[in-house]
Amino acid sequence: MVATVIASHGRIDVLVNNVGIGGGDSSATKLAEDTWDLIHDVNLNGMWLTCKHVLPLMREKNKGAIINISSVAAECSTSFLAYKTSKAGFDAMTHQLAMANAKRGIRVNAVAPGLMDTLMAIEGISQAIAVDPDALRQQRDGMVPLGNKMGTAWDVANAVIFLASDRAAFITGVVLPVDGGQSARIG
């Protein structure tokens, strides 16, 4: 992937790690070991491997922005152990990479979406738990403090664009919730 981008564009200025699977996830006593491994391999190892191969290029230029798509599930209560811990790993890796690369001019931040009205979220969850998609949408809307309405993929994209831009030139090591106030209910 890195070689293809370099061959086509000559450099990498921004890396967005937008990965997340959770199919088959469950509680600690019901979760299958192969499901745990797959979720962590895709979510956490995928992020680490892209950073591993892109960071040397950004270090050569002493500039770059990495934005990792985490989840408020890393902090909020959820019954899905592997997804939650993989996204908590996103947050920890974001912080570590931000501190390790700040002197090289590389900013590393994360966006933590809350409940989003996306095809993957609504259709995937409704099928997994055998609930009508419209009923699920209504239930999830009611859990969001800001306007009783889930966010959209555009809400996440706009946060990513901001963190990748020069307007965020003095921001690193941040996990930015994009959740309509959902995570503010903690505590």
N, C-alpha and C. Protein backbone atom coordinates (compact mmCIF):
# COMPACT_ATOMS: atom_id res chain seq x y z
N MET A 1 0.82 -1.18 0.00
CA MET A 1 0.00 0.00 0.00
C MET A 1 0.88 1.25 0.00
N VAL A 2 1.85 1.30 0.88
CA VAL A 2 2.71 2.47 0.99
C VAL A 2 3.49 2.67 -0.32
N ALA A 3 4.04 1.62 -0.86
CA ALA A 3 4.80 1.72 -2.11
C ALA A 3 3.92 2.22 -3.25
N THR A 4 2.67 1.79 -3.30
CA THR A 4 1.75 2.23 -4.35
C THR A 4 1.46 3.72 -4.22
N VAL A 5 1.23 4.19 -3.01
CA VAL A 5 0.96 5.62 -2.80
C VAL A 5 2.19 6.45 -3.17
N ILE A 6 3.35 6.01 -2.75
CA ILE A 6 4.58 6.74 -3.06
C ILE A 6 4.82 6.77 -4.57
N ALA A 7 4.59 5.65 -5.23
CA ALA A 7 4.76 5.59 -6.69
C ALA A 7 3.80 6.53 -7.41
N SER A 8 2.59 6.67 -6.88
CA SER A 8 1.58 7.52 -7.52
C SER A 8 1.68 8.99 -7.14
N HIS A 9 2.02 9.26 -5.89
CA HIS A 9 1.95 10.63 -5.38
C HIS A 9 3.27 11.19 -4.85
N GLY A 10 4.25 10.33 -4.63
CA GLY A 10 5.56 10.80 -4.20
C GLY A 10 5.72 11.03 -2.71
N ARG A 11 4.63 11.06 -1.97
CA ARG A 11 4.72 11.29 -0.52
C ARG A 11 3.40 10.91 0.15
N ILE A 12 3.44 10.84 1.47
CA ILE A 12 2.24 10.64 2.28
C ILE A 12 2.23 11.72 3.34
N ASP A 13 1.24 12.58 3.28
CA ASP A 13 1.10 13.67 4.25
C ASP A 13 0.15 13.32 5.38
N VAL A 14 -0.88 12.54 5.06
CA VAL A 14 -1.93 12.21 6.01
C VAL A 14 -2.22 10.72 5.93
N LEU A 15 -2.37 10.09 7.09
CA LEU A 15 -2.79 8.70 7.18
C LEU A 15 -4.03 8.66 8.05
N VAL A 16 -5.09 8.06 7.53
CA VAL A 16 -6.31 7.86 8.32
C VAL A 16 -6.50 6.36 8.47
N ASN A 17 -6.44 5.90 9.71
CA ASN A 17 -6.68 4.50 10.01
C ASN A 17 -8.15 4.35 10.38
N ASN A 18 -8.94 3.95 9.39
CA ASN A 18 -10.38 3.81 9.58
C ASN A 18 -10.73 2.34 9.43
N VAL A 19 -10.61 1.63 10.51
CA VAL A 19 -10.87 0.20 10.46
C VAL A 19 -11.64 -0.20 11.72
N GLY A 20 -12.56 -1.10 11.56
CA GLY A 20 -13.29 -1.58 12.71
C GLY A 20 -14.25 -2.68 12.35
N ILE A 21 -14.01 -3.85 12.90
CA ILE A 21 -14.97 -4.96 12.75
C ILE A 21 -15.35 -5.40 14.16
N GLY A 22 -16.49 -6.01 14.26
CA GLY A 22 -16.94 -6.49 15.57
C GLY A 22 -17.84 -7.69 15.46
N GLY A 23 -17.97 -8.24 14.27
CA GLY A 23 -18.85 -9.38 14.08
C GLY A 23 -18.49 -10.57 14.95
N GLY A 24 -19.49 -11.12 15.63
CA GLY A 24 -19.29 -12.29 16.50
C GLY A 24 -18.81 -11.94 17.88
N ASP A 25 -18.61 -10.65 18.17
CA ASP A 25 -18.14 -10.21 19.48
C ASP A 25 -19.18 -10.53 20.55
N SER A 26 -18.72 -10.66 21.78
CA SER A 26 -19.62 -11.02 22.87
C SER A 26 -18.97 -10.66 24.19
N SER A 27 -19.52 -11.22 25.26
CA SER A 27 -18.97 -11.01 26.60
C SER A 27 -17.75 -11.90 26.81
N ALA A 28 -17.03 -11.68 27.89
CA ALA A 28 -15.79 -12.41 28.16
C ALA A 28 -16.00 -13.93 28.22
N THR A 29 -17.11 -14.38 28.75
CA THR A 29 -17.32 -15.82 28.90
C THR A 29 -17.93 -16.47 27.65
N LYS A 30 -18.49 -15.67 26.76
CA LYS A 30 -19.12 -16.22 25.56
C LYS A 30 -18.30 -16.00 24.30
N LEU A 31 -17.32 -15.13 24.36
CA LEU A 31 -16.53 -14.76 23.19
C LEU A 31 -15.61 -15.91 22.78
N ALA A 32 -15.65 -16.26 21.50
CA ALA A 32 -14.76 -17.30 20.97
C ALA A 32 -13.36 -16.72 20.78
N GLU A 33 -12.35 -17.53 21.05
CA GLU A 33 -10.97 -17.07 20.96
C GLU A 33 -10.61 -16.63 19.54
N ASP A 34 -11.10 -17.35 18.52
CA ASP A 34 -10.77 -16.95 17.16
C ASP A 34 -11.43 -15.62 16.78
N THR A 35 -12.59 -15.32 17.36
CA THR A 35 -13.23 -14.02 17.12
C THR A 35 -12.42 -12.91 17.78
N TRP A 36 -11.99 -13.13 19.03
CA TRP A 36 -11.12 -12.18 19.72
C TRP A 36 -9.89 -11.87 18.86
N ASP A 37 -9.23 -12.94 18.39
CA ASP A 37 -8.02 -12.78 17.58
C ASP A 37 -8.28 -12.01 16.29
N LEU A 38 -9.36 -12.34 15.59
CA LEU A 38 -9.67 -11.67 14.33
C LEU A 38 -9.95 -10.19 14.54
N ILE A 39 -10.76 -9.85 15.54
CA ILE A 39 -11.10 -8.45 15.79
C ILE A 39 -9.85 -7.65 16.14
N HIS A 40 -9.00 -8.19 16.98
CA HIS A 40 -7.77 -7.48 17.34
C HIS A 40 -6.78 -7.43 16.18
N ASP A 41 -6.74 -8.50 15.40
CA ASP A 41 -5.83 -8.51 14.25
C ASP A 41 -6.23 -7.45 13.24
N VAL A 42 -7.49 -7.39 12.89
CA VAL A 42 -7.96 -6.41 11.91
C VAL A 42 -7.89 -5.00 12.50
N ASN A 43 -8.49 -4.80 13.66
CA ASN A 43 -8.61 -3.45 14.20
C ASN A 43 -7.27 -2.89 14.68
N LEU A 44 -6.64 -3.56 15.60
CA LEU A 44 -5.46 -3.01 16.24
C LEU A 44 -4.17 -3.26 15.45
N ASN A 45 -3.99 -4.48 14.99
CA ASN A 45 -2.77 -4.76 14.22
C ASN A 45 -2.78 -4.04 12.88
N GLY A 46 -3.94 -3.90 12.26
CA GLY A 46 -4.03 -3.15 11.01
C GLY A 46 -3.57 -1.71 11.19
N MET A 47 -4.00 -1.09 12.27
CA MET A 47 -3.59 0.29 12.55
C MET A 47 -2.08 0.36 12.79
N TRP A 48 -1.58 -0.54 13.61
CA TRP A 48 -0.15 -0.53 13.93
C TRP A 48 0.70 -0.72 12.68
N LEU A 49 0.30 -1.65 11.82
CA LEU A 49 1.11 -1.93 10.64
C LEU A 49 1.14 -0.76 9.66
N THR A 50 0.03 -0.07 9.49
CA THR A 50 0.07 1.10 8.59
C THR A 50 0.95 2.18 9.19
N CYS A 51 0.85 2.40 10.49
CA CYS A 51 1.72 3.40 11.14
C CYS A 51 3.18 3.00 11.02
N LYS A 52 3.47 1.74 11.23
CA LYS A 52 4.85 1.25 11.15
C LYS A 52 5.49 1.57 9.82
N HIS A 53 4.72 1.47 8.74
CA HIS A 53 5.28 1.66 7.41
C HIS A 53 5.17 3.09 6.88
N VAL A 54 4.28 3.90 7.45
CA VAL A 54 4.13 5.28 7.01
C VAL A 54 4.99 6.23 7.85
N LEU A 55 5.15 5.96 9.11
CA LEU A 55 5.92 6.86 9.98
C LEU A 55 7.33 7.15 9.48
N PRO A 56 8.09 6.18 8.98
CA PRO A 56 9.43 6.52 8.48
C PRO A 56 9.41 7.57 7.38
N LEU A 57 8.41 7.54 6.51
CA LEU A 57 8.29 8.53 5.44
C LEU A 57 7.96 9.91 6.00
N MET A 58 7.08 9.95 6.98
CA MET A 58 6.73 11.23 7.60
C MET A 58 7.92 11.78 8.39
N ARG A 59 8.68 10.89 9.02
CA ARG A 59 9.86 11.33 9.78
C ARG A 59 10.90 11.96 8.86
N GLU A 60 11.05 11.42 7.65
CA GLU A 60 12.00 12.02 6.69
C GLU A 60 11.63 13.47 6.37
N LYS A 61 10.35 13.78 6.34
CA LYS A 61 9.86 15.12 6.00
C LYS A 61 9.66 15.99 7.24
N ASN A 62 9.76 15.37 8.44
CA ASN A 62 9.46 16.08 9.70
C ASN A 62 8.09 16.73 9.67
N LYS A 63 7.14 15.99 9.12
CA LYS A 63 5.78 16.51 9.03
C LYS A 63 4.83 15.38 8.69
N GLY A 64 3.62 15.48 9.21
CA GLY A 64 2.58 14.52 8.86
C GLY A 64 1.47 14.54 9.89
N ALA A 65 0.35 13.97 9.51
CA ALA A 65 -0.79 13.85 10.41
C ALA A 65 -1.37 12.45 10.29
N ILE A 66 -1.53 11.81 11.43
CA ILE A 66 -2.17 10.50 11.49
C ILE A 66 -3.44 10.67 12.30
N ILE A 67 -4.54 10.19 11.75
CA ILE A 67 -5.81 10.24 12.45
C ILE A 67 -6.35 8.82 12.51
N ASN A 68 -6.59 8.35 13.72
CA ASN A 68 -7.09 7.00 13.95
C ASN A 68 -8.58 7.08 14.31
N ILE A 69 -9.39 6.24 13.70
CA ILE A 69 -10.81 6.23 14.01
C ILE A 69 -11.04 5.21 15.10
N SER A 70 -11.24 5.73 16.30
CA SER A 70 -11.47 4.92 17.48
C SER A 70 -12.98 4.73 17.65
N SER A 71 -13.45 4.80 18.88
CA SER A 71 -14.87 4.68 19.18
C SER A 71 -15.10 5.07 20.63
N VAL A 72 -16.25 5.69 20.91
CA VAL A 72 -16.57 5.96 22.31
C VAL A 72 -16.77 4.65 23.07
N ALA A 73 -16.91 3.55 22.35
CA ALA A 73 -17.02 2.24 23.00
C ALA A 73 -15.78 1.93 23.84
N ALA A 74 -14.64 2.56 23.51
CA ALA A 74 -13.43 2.36 24.30
C ALA A 74 -13.61 2.85 25.73
N GLU A 75 -14.50 3.82 25.93
CA GLU A 75 -14.73 4.41 27.25
C GLU A 75 -16.10 4.08 27.83
N CYS A 76 -17.08 3.89 26.98
CA CYS A 76 -18.46 3.68 27.43
C CYS A 76 -18.72 2.21 27.71
N SER A 77 -19.78 1.97 28.41
CA SER A 77 -20.20 0.61 28.72
C SER A 77 -20.73 -0.08 27.47
N THR A 78 -20.25 -1.27 27.22
CA THR A 78 -20.71 -2.07 26.09
C THR A 78 -20.55 -3.55 26.44
N SER A 79 -21.31 -4.37 25.81
CA SER A 79 -21.21 -5.81 26.09
C SER A 79 -20.27 -6.52 25.13
N PHE A 80 -19.59 -5.75 24.28
CA PHE A 80 -18.70 -6.33 23.27
C PHE A 80 -17.25 -6.15 23.68
N LEU A 81 -16.65 -7.19 24.22
CA LEU A 81 -15.32 -7.12 24.81
C LEU A 81 -14.20 -6.88 23.80
N ALA A 82 -14.16 -7.62 22.72
CA ALA A 82 -13.03 -7.52 21.79
C ALA A 82 -13.02 -6.18 21.07
N TYR A 83 -14.18 -5.70 20.62
CA TYR A 83 -14.25 -4.40 19.94
C TYR A 83 -13.82 -3.30 20.90
N LYS A 84 -14.36 -3.32 22.12
CA LYS A 84 -14.04 -2.29 23.12
C LYS A 84 -12.54 -2.27 23.40
N THR A 85 -11.93 -3.41 23.65
CA THR A 85 -10.51 -3.42 23.99
C THR A 85 -9.64 -3.08 22.78
N SER A 86 -10.09 -3.44 21.57
CA SER A 86 -9.29 -3.05 20.39
C SER A 86 -9.33 -1.54 20.22
N LYS A 87 -10.46 -0.91 20.44
CA LYS A 87 -10.55 0.55 20.30
C LYS A 87 -9.87 1.26 21.47
N ALA A 88 -9.86 0.67 22.64
CA ALA A 88 -9.06 1.24 23.75
C ALA A 88 -7.58 1.17 23.39
N GLY A 89 -7.19 0.12 22.69
CA GLY A 89 -5.83 0.02 22.19
C GLY A 89 -5.53 1.11 21.16
N PHE A 90 -6.51 1.46 20.33
CA PHE A 90 -6.36 2.59 19.40
C PHE A 90 -5.99 3.84 20.16
N ASP A 91 -6.73 4.10 21.25
CA ASP A 91 -6.50 5.32 22.02
C ASP A 91 -5.11 5.31 22.65
N ALA A 92 -4.71 4.18 23.21
CA ALA A 92 -3.39 4.07 23.82
C ALA A 92 -2.29 4.22 22.78
N MET A 93 -2.45 3.59 21.63
CA MET A 93 -1.45 3.70 20.59
C MET A 93 -1.39 5.12 20.03
N THR A 94 -2.54 5.76 19.92
CA THR A 94 -2.58 7.16 19.47
C THR A 94 -1.74 8.02 20.39
N HIS A 95 -1.93 7.87 21.68
CA HIS A 95 -1.18 8.67 22.65
C HIS A 95 0.32 8.37 22.56
N GLN A 96 0.68 7.11 22.52
CA GLN A 96 2.09 6.73 22.47
C GLN A 96 2.75 7.26 21.20
N LEU A 97 2.10 7.08 20.06
CA LEU A 97 2.68 7.55 18.80
C LEU A 97 2.76 9.07 18.75
N ALA A 98 1.78 9.75 19.34
CA ALA A 98 1.81 11.22 19.38
C ALA A 98 3.04 11.69 20.15
N MET A 99 3.29 11.11 21.30
CA MET A 99 4.42 11.54 22.12
C MET A 99 5.76 11.15 21.50
N ALA A 100 5.80 9.99 20.87
CA ALA A 100 7.05 9.53 20.26
C ALA A 100 7.42 10.29 19.00
N ASN A 101 6.46 10.96 18.37
CA ASN A 101 6.73 11.61 17.08
C ASN A 101 6.52 13.11 17.07
N ALA A 102 6.15 13.69 18.20
CA ALA A 102 5.87 15.13 18.26
C ALA A 102 7.11 15.95 17.89
N LYS A 103 8.27 15.57 18.36
CA LYS A 103 9.49 16.34 18.05
C LYS A 103 9.85 16.26 16.58
N ARG A 104 9.26 15.32 15.88
CA ARG A 104 9.51 15.19 14.44
C ARG A 104 8.43 15.89 13.61
N GLY A 105 7.56 16.65 14.28
CA GLY A 105 6.53 17.40 13.57
C GLY A 105 5.35 16.58 13.10
N ILE A 106 5.22 15.38 13.63
CA ILE A 106 4.11 14.50 13.23
C ILE A 106 3.05 14.53 14.32
N ARG A 107 1.83 14.85 13.92
CA ARG A 107 0.70 14.88 14.84
C ARG A 107 -0.07 13.58 14.71
N VAL A 108 -0.45 13.02 15.86
CA VAL A 108 -1.23 11.78 15.88
C VAL A 108 -2.43 12.00 16.80
N ASN A 109 -3.60 11.89 16.25
CA ASN A 109 -4.84 12.09 16.99
C ASN A 109 -5.83 11.00 16.63
N ALA A 110 -6.92 10.95 17.38
CA ALA A 110 -7.98 10.00 17.08
C ALA A 110 -9.33 10.70 17.13
N VAL A 111 -10.25 10.17 16.37
CA VAL A 111 -11.65 10.57 16.42
C VAL A 111 -12.41 9.38 16.99
N ALA A 112 -13.27 9.64 17.97
CA ALA A 112 -14.04 8.58 18.62
C ALA A 112 -15.53 8.79 18.33
N PRO A 113 -16.02 8.18 17.25
CA PRO A 113 -17.44 8.31 16.95
C PRO A 113 -18.30 7.63 18.02
N GLY A 114 -19.46 8.21 18.23
CA GLY A 114 -20.47 7.59 19.09
C GLY A 114 -21.44 6.84 18.20
N LEU A 115 -22.71 6.95 18.52
CA LEU A 115 -23.74 6.27 17.74
C LEU A 115 -23.92 6.98 16.41
N MET A 116 -23.68 6.26 15.33
CA MET A 116 -23.74 6.81 13.99
C MET A 116 -24.80 6.08 13.17
N ASP A 117 -25.50 6.84 12.36
CA ASP A 117 -26.51 6.29 11.47
C ASP A 117 -25.83 5.96 10.15
N THR A 118 -25.17 4.82 10.13
CA THR A 118 -24.50 4.35 8.92
C THR A 118 -25.04 2.98 8.57
N LEU A 119 -24.85 2.59 7.34
CA LEU A 119 -25.32 1.28 6.89
C LEU A 119 -24.70 0.16 7.72
N MET A 120 -23.38 0.25 7.96
CA MET A 120 -22.72 -0.79 8.73
C MET A 120 -23.30 -0.90 10.14
N ALA A 121 -23.50 0.23 10.77
CA ALA A 121 -24.00 0.20 12.15
C ALA A 121 -25.44 -0.28 12.21
N ILE A 122 -26.30 0.33 11.44
CA ILE A 122 -27.73 0.01 11.54
C ILE A 122 -28.04 -1.36 10.97
N GLU A 123 -27.65 -1.61 9.74
CA GLU A 123 -27.96 -2.90 9.12
C GLU A 123 -27.23 -4.05 9.81
N GLY A 124 -25.95 -3.83 10.11
CA GLY A 124 -25.17 -4.90 10.75
C GLY A 124 -25.71 -5.27 12.11
N ILE A 125 -25.99 -4.27 12.93
CA ILE A 125 -26.48 -4.54 14.29
C ILE A 125 -27.90 -5.10 14.25
N SER A 126 -28.75 -4.53 13.39
CA SER A 126 -30.14 -5.02 13.34
C SER A 126 -30.18 -6.49 12.93
N GLN A 127 -29.32 -6.88 12.01
CA GLN A 127 -29.27 -8.29 11.61
C GLN A 127 -28.70 -9.15 12.73
N ALA A 128 -27.66 -8.66 13.38
CA ALA A 128 -27.01 -9.45 14.44
C ALA A 128 -27.93 -9.71 15.62
N ILE A 129 -28.78 -8.74 15.94
CA ILE A 129 -29.66 -8.91 17.11
C ILE A 129 -31.12 -9.10 16.73
N ALA A 130 -31.40 -9.27 15.44
CA ALA A 130 -32.74 -9.53 14.92
C ALA A 130 -33.75 -8.47 15.38
N VAL A 131 -33.41 -7.21 15.08
CA VAL A 131 -34.30 -6.08 15.39
C VAL A 131 -34.54 -5.31 14.10
N ASP A 132 -35.73 -4.80 13.94
CA ASP A 132 -36.07 -3.99 12.79
C ASP A 132 -35.13 -2.78 12.72
N PRO A 133 -34.55 -2.48 11.56
CA PRO A 133 -33.62 -1.35 11.46
C PRO A 133 -34.22 -0.01 11.91
N ASP A 134 -35.49 0.24 11.57
CA ASP A 134 -36.11 1.50 11.97
C ASP A 134 -36.29 1.57 13.49
N ALA A 135 -36.62 0.45 14.11
CA ALA A 135 -36.75 0.41 15.57
C ALA A 135 -35.39 0.63 16.22
N LEU A 136 -34.36 0.03 15.67
CA LEU A 136 -33.01 0.22 16.19
C LEU A 136 -32.58 1.68 16.05
N ARG A 137 -32.85 2.26 14.90
CA ARG A 137 -32.51 3.66 14.66
C ARG A 137 -33.21 4.56 15.68
N GLN A 138 -34.46 4.33 15.93
CA GLN A 138 -35.22 5.13 16.89
C GLN A 138 -34.65 4.97 18.30
N GLN A 139 -34.32 3.75 18.68
CA GLN A 139 -33.75 3.49 20.01
C GLN A 139 -32.40 4.21 20.16
N ARG A 140 -31.55 4.10 19.15
CA ARG A 140 -30.23 4.72 19.22
C ARG A 140 -30.32 6.25 19.18
N ASP A 141 -31.24 6.77 18.38
CA ASP A 141 -31.44 8.23 18.37
C ASP A 141 -31.74 8.75 19.77
N GLY A 142 -32.58 8.04 20.50
CA GLY A 142 -32.98 8.46 21.84
C GLY A 142 -31.85 8.45 22.86
N MET A 143 -30.73 7.82 22.53
CA MET A 143 -29.60 7.74 23.45
C MET A 143 -28.61 8.89 23.27
N VAL A 144 -28.83 9.73 22.26
CA VAL A 144 -27.90 10.81 21.95
C VAL A 144 -28.42 12.12 22.54
N PRO A 145 -27.67 12.74 23.45
CA PRO A 145 -28.13 13.98 24.07
C PRO A 145 -28.37 15.13 23.09
N LEU A 146 -27.51 15.30 22.10
CA LEU A 146 -27.60 16.44 21.19
C LEU A 146 -28.67 16.19 20.13
N GLY A 147 -29.86 16.70 20.36
CA GLY A 147 -30.94 16.61 19.39
C GLY A 147 -31.61 15.25 19.27
N ASN A 148 -31.30 14.32 20.17
CA ASN A 148 -31.88 12.98 20.09
C ASN A 148 -31.76 12.39 18.69
N LYS A 149 -30.56 12.53 18.13
CA LYS A 149 -30.33 12.06 16.77
C LYS A 149 -28.89 11.60 16.63
N MET A 150 -28.71 10.41 16.05
CA MET A 150 -27.36 9.91 15.81
C MET A 150 -26.63 10.79 14.81
N GLY A 151 -25.32 10.70 14.84
CA GLY A 151 -24.51 11.40 13.86
C GLY A 151 -24.47 10.64 12.55
N THR A 152 -23.74 11.23 11.60
CA THR A 152 -23.59 10.60 10.29
C THR A 152 -22.10 10.44 10.00
N ALA A 153 -21.82 9.75 8.93
CA ALA A 153 -20.42 9.59 8.52
C ALA A 153 -19.79 10.95 8.23
N TRP A 154 -20.59 11.93 7.79
CA TRP A 154 -20.06 13.28 7.53
C TRP A 154 -19.57 13.94 8.81
N ASP A 155 -20.22 13.67 9.93
CA ASP A 155 -19.76 14.25 11.19
C ASP A 155 -18.35 13.75 11.52
N VAL A 156 -18.11 12.49 11.30
CA VAL A 156 -16.78 11.91 11.53
C VAL A 156 -15.79 12.46 10.50
N ALA A 157 -16.20 12.48 9.23
CA ALA A 157 -15.32 12.98 8.17
C ALA A 157 -14.89 14.42 8.43
N ASN A 158 -15.81 15.26 8.88
CA ASN A 158 -15.46 16.65 9.15
C ASN A 158 -14.44 16.77 10.28
N ALA A 159 -14.54 15.93 11.29
CA ALA A 159 -13.54 15.94 12.37
C ALA A 159 -12.18 15.49 11.85
N VAL A 160 -12.17 14.49 10.98
CA VAL A 160 -10.92 14.00 10.39
C VAL A 160 -10.29 15.09 9.53
N ILE A 161 -11.09 15.75 8.72
CA ILE A 161 -10.57 16.83 7.87
C ILE A 161 -9.95 17.93 8.72
N PHE A 162 -10.61 18.28 9.81
CA PHE A 162 -10.06 19.30 10.70
C PHE A 162 -8.72 18.84 11.28
N LEU A 163 -8.65 17.63 11.81
CA LEU A 163 -7.41 17.15 12.44
C LEU A 163 -6.28 16.98 11.42
N ALA A 164 -6.61 16.74 10.17
CA ALA A 164 -5.59 16.61 9.13
C ALA A 164 -5.11 17.97 8.63
N SER A 165 -5.89 19.02 8.90
CA SER A 165 -5.59 20.33 8.34
C SER A 165 -4.59 21.13 9.18
N ASP A 166 -4.10 22.20 8.59
CA ASP A 166 -3.20 23.10 9.30
C ASP A 166 -3.91 23.82 10.44
N ARG A 167 -5.22 23.86 10.44
CA ARG A 167 -5.97 24.47 11.54
C ARG A 167 -5.78 23.70 12.85
N ALA A 168 -5.35 22.45 12.75
CA ALA A 168 -5.08 21.63 13.93
C ALA A 168 -3.58 21.45 14.14
N ALA A 169 -2.79 22.40 13.67
CA ALA A 169 -1.33 22.29 13.68
C ALA A 169 -0.73 22.18 15.08
N PHE A 170 -1.46 22.57 16.10
CA PHE A 170 -0.94 22.52 17.47
C PHE A 170 -1.71 21.51 18.32
N ILE A 171 -2.28 20.49 17.67
CA ILE A 171 -3.06 19.47 18.37
C ILE A 171 -2.44 18.11 18.10
N THR A 172 -2.07 17.42 19.16
CA THR A 172 -1.58 16.05 19.03
C THR A 172 -1.90 15.28 20.31
N GLY A 173 -2.09 13.98 20.17
CA GLY A 173 -2.37 13.13 21.32
C GLY A 173 -3.80 13.20 21.82
N VAL A 174 -4.71 13.71 21.00
CA VAL A 174 -6.10 13.92 21.41
C VAL A 174 -6.98 12.80 20.88
N VAL A 175 -7.94 12.38 21.70
CA VAL A 175 -9.01 11.51 21.25
C VAL A 175 -10.27 12.37 21.29
N LEU A 176 -10.75 12.77 20.13
CA LEU A 176 -11.86 13.69 20.00
C LEU A 176 -13.18 12.94 19.87
N PRO A 177 -14.05 13.03 20.89
CA PRO A 177 -15.35 12.38 20.75
C PRO A 177 -16.22 13.13 19.74
N VAL A 178 -16.82 12.40 18.85
CA VAL A 178 -17.79 12.94 17.90
C VAL A 178 -19.05 12.11 18.14
N ASP A 179 -19.79 12.54 19.16
CA ASP A 179 -20.84 11.64 19.68
C ASP A 179 -22.10 12.35 20.17
N GLY A 180 -22.25 13.61 19.85
CA GLY A 180 -23.44 14.33 20.28
C GLY A 180 -23.60 14.39 21.80
N GLY A 181 -22.49 14.32 22.52
CA GLY A 181 -22.53 14.41 23.98
C GLY A 181 -22.69 13.09 24.70
N GLN A 182 -22.72 12.00 23.96
CA GLN A 182 -22.95 10.69 24.56
C GLN A 182 -21.89 10.35 25.62
N SER A 183 -20.63 10.59 25.32
CA SER A 183 -19.57 10.23 26.27
C SER A 183 -19.52 11.18 27.45
N ALA A 184 -20.14 12.35 27.33
CA ALA A 184 -20.17 13.29 28.46
C ALA A 184 -21.06 12.77 29.60
N ARG A 185 -21.85 11.75 29.34
CA ARG A 185 -22.70 11.16 30.36
C ARG A 185 -21.94 10.26 31.32
N ILE A 186 -20.67 9.97 31.04
CA ILE A 186 -19.87 9.12 31.92
C ILE A 186 -19.68 9.83 33.24
N GLY A 187 -19.85 9.08 34.34
CA GLY A 187 -19.61 9.66 35.65
C GLY A 187 -20.78 10.21 36.25
